[in-house]
Amino acid sequence: MAIKRYTPKELFDWMTEKARSASSMRNRMMQMEGQQRGTTTIGRMFFFKYDPKTKDKLPVYDVYPMVFPIEQYNDGFLGLNIHYLDPDQRMNLLNRLQEYATARNYTARTRLQISYDLLSSTRNVKSIIGPTVKRYLYGHVRSKFIEIPATEWDKASQLSLELFIRKT
């Protein structure tokens, strides 16, 4: 199943349906009822607000990551933040990750069976994930985690929800 490219109108209609009362796209995502969680699961996609512990030392960081967690730790997780890729690279990554999905046809329960070791040893994925691998601390998450169902990964990945802060 190839990842479908959506028109801006289709993406807007999808977001409008998801959260009609919010005033901005990020706020809509942050206010999505029913998909908010207090924790993450490996192989699912999550959107959240983040304030890095070492932000003063980072050349750039994303305030609103969209992440596939790939390793869990007591104090946080390692994940692939797809916002560090351009939209075409995001689609390419999603297409390559399909081989690790628990179901061929994505459902709300589909997840990826992935780990850092697996992805870093797979040539066709390793070359793409480099800039996306980031460590997140639970104590610096500033919202609930919004789980994006696998049936909507393609749409969510094409939205420009990132907010990069660059050191000047």
C-alpha atoms as a PDB file:
ATOM      1  CA  MET A   1       0.000   0.000   0.000  1.00  0.00           C
ATOM      2  CA  ALA A   2       1.634   3.252  -1.137  1.00  0.00           C
ATOM      3  CA  ILE A   3       1.273   6.386   0.951  1.00  0.00           C
ATOM      4  CA  LYS A   4      -1.275   8.680  -0.680  1.00  0.00           C
ATOM      5  CA  ARG A   5      -0.442  12.341  -1.237  1.00  0.00           C
ATOM      6  CA  TYR A   6      -3.334  14.543  -0.139  1.00  0.00           C
ATOM      7  CA  THR A   7      -4.262  17.963  -1.452  1.00  0.00           C
ATOM      8  CA  PRO A   8      -4.151  20.881   0.975  1.00  0.00           C
ATOM      9  CA  LYS A   9      -7.967  20.962   0.925  1.00  0.00           C
ATOM     10  CA  GLU A  10      -8.203  17.265   1.844  1.00  0.00           C
ATOM     11  CA  LEU A  11      -5.760  17.814   4.704  1.00  0.00           C
ATOM     12  CA  PHE A  12      -7.645  20.866   5.907  1.00  0.00           C
ATOM     13  CA  ASP A  13     -10.964  19.019   5.782  1.00  0.00           C
ATOM     14  CA  TRP A  14      -9.440  16.154   7.774  1.00  0.00           C
ATOM     15  CA  MET A  15      -8.113  18.516  10.446  1.00  0.00           C
ATOM     16  CA  THR A  16     -11.394  20.419  10.582  1.00  0.00           C
ATOM     17  CA  GLU A  17     -13.272  17.185  11.144  1.00  0.00           C
ATOM     18  CA  LYS A  18     -10.842  16.192  13.905  1.00  0.00           C
ATOM     19  CA  ALA A  19     -11.180  19.369  15.940  1.00  0.00           C
ATOM     20  CA  ARG A  20     -13.744  21.929  14.848  1.00  0.00           C
ATOM     21  CA  SER A  21     -13.580  24.383  17.733  1.00  0.00           C
ATOM     22  CA  ALA A  22      -9.831  25.180  17.908  1.00  0.00           C
ATOM     23  CA  SER A  23      -8.319  28.255  16.285  1.00  0.00           C
ATOM     24  CA  SER A  24      -4.980  26.932  14.989  1.00  0.00           C
ATOM     25  CA  MET A  25      -3.780  23.655  13.558  1.00  0.00           C
ATOM     26  CA  ARG A  26      -1.383  22.968  16.432  1.00  0.00           C
ATOM     27  CA  ASN A  27      -4.094  23.815  18.945  1.00  0.00           C
ATOM     28  CA  ARG A  28      -6.497  21.547  17.114  1.00  0.00           C
ATOM     29  CA  MET A  29      -4.006  18.708  17.384  1.00  0.00           C
ATOM     30  CA  MET A  30      -3.315  19.465  21.043  1.00  0.00           C
ATOM     31  CA  GLN A  31      -7.054  19.484  21.851  1.00  0.00           C
ATOM     32  CA  MET A  32      -8.032  16.257  20.049  1.00  0.00           C
ATOM     33  CA  GLU A  33     -10.234  14.483  22.591  1.00  0.00           C
ATOM     34  CA  GLY A  34     -10.241  10.707  22.753  1.00  0.00           C
ATOM     35  CA  GLN A  35      -6.725  10.299  21.427  1.00  0.00           C
ATOM     36  CA  GLN A  36      -4.826  11.917  24.303  1.00  0.00           C
ATOM     37  CA  ARG A  37      -2.648   9.686  26.460  1.00  0.00           C
ATOM     38  CA  GLY A  38      -0.236  10.050  29.344  1.00  0.00           C
ATOM     39  CA  THR A  39       2.430   7.823  27.818  1.00  0.00           C
ATOM     40  CA  THR A  40       3.737   6.459  24.523  1.00  0.00           C
ATOM     41  CA  THR A  41       3.892   3.034  22.891  1.00  0.00           C
ATOM     42  CA  ILE A  42       6.673   1.796  20.641  1.00  0.00           C
ATOM     43  CA  GLY A  43       5.641   1.740  16.998  1.00  0.00           C
ATOM     44  CA  ARG A  44       2.717   4.169  17.231  1.00  0.00           C
ATOM     45  CA  MET A  45       2.739   7.835  16.149  1.00  0.00           C
ATOM     46  CA  PHE A  46       2.401  10.626  18.726  1.00  0.00           C
ATOM     47  CA  PHE A  47       2.164  14.402  18.618  1.00  0.00           C
ATOM     48  CA  PHE A  48       2.916  16.510  21.707  1.00  0.00           C
ATOM     49  CA  LYS A  49       4.402  19.741  22.998  1.00  0.00           C
ATOM     50  CA  TYR A  50       8.003  19.563  24.209  1.00  0.00           C
ATOM     51  CA  ASP A  51      10.421  21.874  26.042  1.00  0.00           C
ATOM     52  CA  PRO A  52      13.932  20.318  25.838  1.00  0.00           C
ATOM     53  CA  LYS A  53      16.074  20.178  28.957  1.00  0.00           C
ATOM     54  CA  THR A  54      19.153  21.317  27.029  1.00  0.00           C
ATOM     55  CA  LYS A  55      17.408  23.786  24.695  1.00  0.00           C
ATOM     56  CA  ASP A  56      20.070  26.431  25.371  1.00  0.00           C
ATOM     57  CA  LYS A  57      22.708  24.067  23.925  1.00  0.00           C
ATOM     58  CA  LEU A  58      20.706  22.821  20.918  1.00  0.00           C
ATOM     59  CA  PRO A  59      21.189  24.552  17.547  1.00  0.00           C
ATOM     60  CA  VAL A  60      17.560  23.710  16.672  1.00  0.00           C
ATOM     61  CA  TYR A  61      14.635  21.889  18.267  1.00  0.00           C
ATOM     62  CA  ASP A  62      10.991  21.148  17.504  1.00  0.00           C
ATOM     63  CA  VAL A  63       8.400  22.406  20.003  1.00  0.00           C
ATOM     64  CA  TYR A  64       5.675  20.136  18.536  1.00  0.00           C
ATOM     65  CA  PRO A  65       7.292  16.788  17.673  1.00  0.00           C
ATOM     66  CA  MET A  66       5.489  14.100  15.678  1.00  0.00           C
ATOM     67  CA  VAL A  67       7.263  10.940  16.759  1.00  0.00           C
ATOM     68  CA  PHE A  68       7.364   7.171  16.370  1.00  0.00           C
ATOM     69  CA  PRO A  69       8.867   5.941  19.695  1.00  0.00           C
ATOM     70  CA  ILE A  70      11.470   3.227  19.092  1.00  0.00           C
ATOM     71  CA  GLU A  71      12.903   2.648  22.600  1.00  0.00           C
ATOM     72  CA  GLN A  72      11.418   3.220  26.055  1.00  0.00           C
ATOM     73  CA  TYR A  73      13.365   4.331  29.145  1.00  0.00           C
ATOM     74  CA  ASN A  74      12.295   5.005  32.732  1.00  0.00           C
ATOM     75  CA  ASP A  75      12.564   8.769  32.206  1.00  0.00           C
ATOM     76  CA  GLY A  76      11.535   9.012  28.544  1.00  0.00           C
ATOM     77  CA  PHE A  77      11.999   7.481  25.136  1.00  0.00           C
ATOM     78  CA  LEU A  78      13.968   7.536  21.890  1.00  0.00           C
ATOM     79  CA  GLY A  79      11.908   8.316  18.826  1.00  0.00           C
ATOM     80  CA  LEU A  80      11.830   9.243  15.167  1.00  0.00           C
ATOM     81  CA  ASN A  81      10.603  12.838  14.846  1.00  0.00           C
ATOM     82  CA  ILE A  82       9.438  13.003  11.236  1.00  0.00           C
ATOM     83  CA  HIS A  83       9.360  16.813  11.342  1.00  0.00           C
ATOM     84  CA  TYR A  84      13.113  16.758  10.713  1.00  0.00           C
ATOM     85  CA  LEU A  85      12.349  15.473   7.204  1.00  0.00           C
ATOM     86  CA  ASP A  86      10.758  17.348   4.329  1.00  0.00           C
ATOM     87  CA  PRO A  87       7.283  16.116   3.252  1.00  0.00           C
ATOM     88  CA  ASP A  88       8.625  13.906   0.420  1.00  0.00           C
ATOM     89  CA  GLN A  89      11.167  12.300   2.769  1.00  0.00           C
ATOM     90  CA  ARG A  90       8.396  11.704   5.333  1.00  0.00           C
ATOM     91  CA  MET A  91       6.345   9.835   2.755  1.00  0.00           C
ATOM     92  CA  ASN A  92       9.408   7.853   1.693  1.00  0.00           C
ATOM     93  CA  LEU A  93      10.076   6.885   5.320  1.00  0.00           C
ATOM     94  CA  LEU A  94       6.441   5.854   5.901  1.00  0.00           C
ATOM     95  CA  ASN A  95       6.539   3.709   2.764  1.00  0.00           C
ATOM     96  CA  ARG A  96       9.712   1.983   3.970  1.00  0.00           C
ATOM     97  CA  LEU A  97       8.379   1.465   7.485  1.00  0.00           C
ATOM     98  CA  GLN A  98       5.317  -0.379   6.168  1.00  0.00           C
ATOM     99  CA  GLU A  99       7.235  -3.651   6.141  1.00  0.00           C
ATOM    100  CA  TYR A 100       7.368  -3.468   9.960  1.00  0.00           C
ATOM    101  CA  ALA A 101       3.620  -2.911  10.395  1.00  0.00           C
ATOM    102  CA  THR A 102       1.562  -5.454  12.329  1.00  0.00           C
ATOM    103  CA  ALA A 103      -1.103  -5.364   9.583  1.00  0.00           C
ATOM    104  CA  ARG A 104      -0.885  -4.931   5.829  1.00  0.00           C
ATOM    105  CA  ASN A 105      -3.985  -2.762   5.714  1.00  0.00           C
ATOM    106  CA  TYR A 106      -3.658  -0.159   8.422  1.00  0.00           C
ATOM    107  CA  THR A 107      -6.284  -0.118  11.144  1.00  0.00           C
ATOM    108  CA  ALA A 108      -6.516   1.923  14.339  1.00  0.00           C
ATOM    109  CA  ARG A 109      -4.655  -0.905  16.128  1.00  0.00           C
ATOM    110  CA  THR A 110      -1.757  -1.171  13.691  1.00  0.00           C
ATOM    111  CA  ARG A 111       1.679  -0.389  15.040  1.00  0.00           C
ATOM    112  CA  LEU A 112       5.241  -0.759  13.811  1.00  0.00           C
ATOM    113  CA  GLN A 113       7.433  -3.498  15.252  1.00  0.00           C
ATOM    114  CA  ILE A 114      10.608  -1.436  15.315  1.00  0.00           C
ATOM    115  CA  SER A 115      13.632  -0.687  17.449  1.00  0.00           C
ATOM    116  CA  TYR A 116      16.699   1.498  17.039  1.00  0.00           C
ATOM    117  CA  ASP A 117      18.904  -1.564  16.489  1.00  0.00           C
ATOM    118  CA  LEU A 118      16.606  -2.917  13.774  1.00  0.00           C
ATOM    119  CA  LEU A 119      16.271   0.382  11.916  1.00  0.00           C
ATOM    120  CA  SER A 120      19.946   1.337  12.159  1.00  0.00           C
ATOM    121  CA  SER A 121      20.941  -2.018  10.677  1.00  0.00           C
ATOM    122  CA  THR A 122      18.507  -1.837   7.746  1.00  0.00           C
ATOM    123  CA  ARG A 123      20.176  -0.121   4.797  1.00  0.00           C
ATOM    124  CA  ASN A 124      17.031   1.235   3.104  1.00  0.00           C
ATOM    125  CA  VAL A 125      15.846   2.886   6.353  1.00  0.00           C
ATOM    126  CA  LYS A 126      19.142   3.764   8.058  1.00  0.00           C
ATOM    127  CA  SER A 127      19.969   6.413   5.456  1.00  0.00           C
ATOM    128  CA  ILE A 128      16.683   8.246   6.107  1.00  0.00           C
ATOM    129  CA  ILE A 129      16.284   8.131   9.901  1.00  0.00           C
ATOM    130  CA  GLY A 130      19.558   9.851  10.879  1.00  0.00           C
ATOM    131  CA  PRO A 131      18.225  13.383  11.484  1.00  0.00           C
ATOM    132  CA  THR A 132      14.963  12.121  13.017  1.00  0.00           C
ATOM    133  CA  VAL A 133      16.368  10.183  15.987  1.00  0.00           C
ATOM    134  CA  LYS A 134      15.791  12.239  19.139  1.00  0.00           C
ATOM    135  CA  ARG A 135      15.701  11.539  22.893  1.00  0.00           C
ATOM    136  CA  TYR A 136      12.684  12.855  24.836  1.00  0.00           C
ATOM    137  CA  LEU A 137      12.345  13.174  28.625  1.00  0.00           C
ATOM    138  CA  TYR A 138       8.875  12.736  30.139  1.00  0.00           C
ATOM    139  CA  GLY A 139       9.584  15.578  32.589  1.00  0.00           C
ATOM    140  CA  HIS A 140       9.878  18.011  29.665  1.00  0.00           C
ATOM    141  CA  VAL A 141       6.700  17.003  27.824  1.00  0.00           C
ATOM    142  CA  ARG A 142       4.276  19.951  28.140  1.00  0.00           C
ATOM    143  CA  SER A 143       1.051  18.305  26.940  1.00  0.00           C
ATOM    144  CA  LYS A 144      -0.617  14.943  26.776  1.00  0.00           C
ATOM    145  CA  PHE A 145       0.501  12.636  23.998  1.00  0.00           C
ATOM    146  CA  ILE A 146      -1.925  12.640  21.088  1.00  0.00           C
ATOM    147  CA  GLU A 147      -1.882   9.280  19.383  1.00  0.00           C
ATOM    148  CA  ILE A 148      -2.323   9.460  15.628  1.00  0.00           C
ATOM    149  CA  PRO A 149      -3.988   6.230  14.438  1.00  0.00           C
ATOM    150  CA  ALA A 150      -2.131   4.344  11.694  1.00  0.00           C
ATOM    151  CA  THR A 151      -5.058   5.013   9.359  1.00  0.00           C
ATOM    152  CA  GLU A 152      -4.129   8.716   9.566  1.00  0.00           C
ATOM    153  CA  TRP A 153      -0.318   8.600   9.525  1.00  0.00           C
ATOM    154  CA  ASP A 154      -0.225   9.635   5.878  1.00  0.00           C
ATOM    155  CA  LYS A 155      -2.354  12.728   6.473  1.00  0.00           C
ATOM    156  CA  ALA A 156      -0.664  13.760   9.711  1.00  0.00           C
ATOM    157  CA  SER A 157       2.800  13.420   8.182  1.00  0.00           C
ATOM    158  CA  GLN A 158       1.930  15.886   5.426  1.00  0.00           C
ATOM    159  CA  LEU A 159       0.831  18.650   7.792  1.00  0.00           C
ATOM    160  CA  SER A 160       3.293  21.424   8.670  1.00  0.00           C
ATOM    161  CA  LEU A 161       2.775  21.316  12.439  1.00  0.00           C
ATOM    162  CA  GLU A 162       6.431  21.647  13.377  1.00  0.00           C
ATOM    163  CA  LEU A 163       7.712  24.718  15.163  1.00  0.00           C
ATOM    164  CA  PHE A 164      11.486  24.826  15.026  1.00  0.00           C
ATOM    165  CA  ILE A 165      13.358  27.091  17.411  1.00  0.00           C
ATOM    166  CA  ARG A 166      16.799  27.937  16.083  1.00  0.00           C
ATOM    167  CA  LYS A 167      19.661  29.307  18.135  1.00  0.00           C
ATOM    168  CA  THR A 168      20.661  32.695  16.774  1.00  0.00           C
END
